[in-house]
């Protein structure tokens, strides 16, 4: 593969990875805010499930490492159960 093509591929992957990471971070932030504000149990569980689903997708795509996603999910669930 030529270096020019490798650069194009790298840039495409970077754009995808940044958007996926940003989405995951925002969903985790929203879930943590709902947990801190003692929102209704249904809202908290929905936001946590949404964050977990997106963490799994990011790990499956290779954007996040599998164990990194697992650690983040564990911390979210731990915070939710407090």
Protein backbone atom coordinates (compact mmCIF):
# COMPACT_ATOMS: atom_id res chain seq x y z
CA UNK A 1 0.00 0.00 0.00
CA UNK A 2 1.39 3.36 -0.90
CA UNK A 3 1.99 5.87 1.84
CA UNK A 4 -0.57 8.23 0.29
CA UNK A 5 -3.28 5.58 0.44
CA UNK A 6 -2.29 4.62 3.98
CA UNK A 7 -2.63 8.26 4.99
CA UNK A 8 -6.12 8.47 3.47
CA UNK A 9 -7.20 5.28 5.23
CA UNK A 10 -5.74 6.50 8.50
CA UNK A 11 -7.62 9.80 8.24
CA UNK A 12 -10.92 8.02 7.54
CA UNK A 13 -10.46 5.76 10.54
CA UNK A 14 -9.48 8.70 12.75
CA UNK A 15 -12.66 10.59 11.87
CA UNK A 16 -14.80 7.55 12.66
CA UNK A 17 -12.95 6.81 15.91
CA UNK A 18 -13.20 10.39 17.16
CA UNK A 19 -16.95 10.53 16.54
CA UNK A 20 -17.57 7.17 18.22
CA UNK A 21 -15.43 8.10 21.25
CA UNK A 22 -17.18 11.44 21.55
CA UNK A 23 -20.61 9.79 21.47
CA UNK A 24 -19.59 7.27 24.13
CA UNK A 25 -18.15 9.97 26.38
CA UNK A 26 -21.31 12.07 26.09
CA UNK A 27 -23.56 9.11 26.91
CA UNK A 28 -21.44 8.23 29.95
CA UNK A 29 -21.52 11.86 31.09
CA UNK A 30 -25.32 11.99 30.75
CA UNK A 31 -25.72 8.72 32.67
CA UNK A 32 -23.47 9.96 35.48
CA UNK A 33 -25.38 13.26 35.70
CA UNK A 34 -28.68 11.42 36.00
CA UNK A 35 -27.21 9.20 38.71
CA UNK A 36 -25.93 12.23 40.66
CA UNK A 37 -29.21 14.13 40.33
CA UNK A 38 -31.16 11.10 41.61
CA UNK A 39 -33.37 11.10 38.54
CA UNK A 40 -36.10 8.45 38.29
CA UNK A 41 -34.89 4.85 38.27
CA UNK A 42 -36.30 4.31 34.79
CA UNK A 43 -34.40 7.29 33.33
CA UNK A 44 -31.17 6.23 35.02
CA UNK A 45 -31.39 2.63 33.83
CA UNK A 46 -32.28 3.72 30.27
CA UNK A 47 -29.32 6.09 30.05
CA UNK A 48 -26.93 3.51 31.54
CA UNK A 49 -28.16 0.83 29.14
CA UNK A 50 -27.71 3.22 26.22
CA UNK A 51 -24.14 3.98 27.32
CA UNK A 52 -23.36 0.28 27.77
CA UNK A 53 -24.74 -0.56 24.35
CA UNK A 54 -22.55 2.06 22.71
CA UNK A 55 -19.49 0.98 24.71
CA UNK A 56 -19.99 -2.57 23.44
CA UNK A 57 -20.30 -1.34 19.86
CA UNK A 58 -17.14 0.76 20.20
CA UNK A 59 -15.23 -2.24 21.55
CA UNK A 60 -16.57 -4.45 18.78
CA UNK A 61 -15.44 -1.96 16.12
CA UNK A 62 -12.00 -1.70 17.68
CA UNK A 63 -12.35 1.93 18.67
CA UNK A 64 -11.93 1.05 22.35
CA UNK A 65 -10.10 -1.92 23.79
CA UNK A 66 -12.39 -4.67 25.05
CA UNK A 67 -11.16 -4.39 28.63
CA UNK A 68 -11.37 -0.58 28.57
CA UNK A 69 -15.05 -0.82 27.63
CA UNK A 70 -15.60 -3.47 30.28
CA UNK A 71 -13.99 -1.30 32.96
CA UNK A 72 -16.13 1.70 32.02
CA UNK A 73 -19.31 -0.40 32.06
CA UNK A 74 -18.39 -1.81 35.45
CA UNK A 75 -17.85 1.66 36.91
CA UNK A 76 -21.16 2.89 35.52
CA UNK A 77 -23.11 -0.03 36.94
CA UNK A 78 -21.32 0.32 40.28
CA UNK A 79 -22.29 4.02 40.43
CA UNK A 80 -25.87 3.20 39.47
CA UNK A 81 -26.21 0.58 42.22
CA UNK A 82 -25.02 2.91 45.00
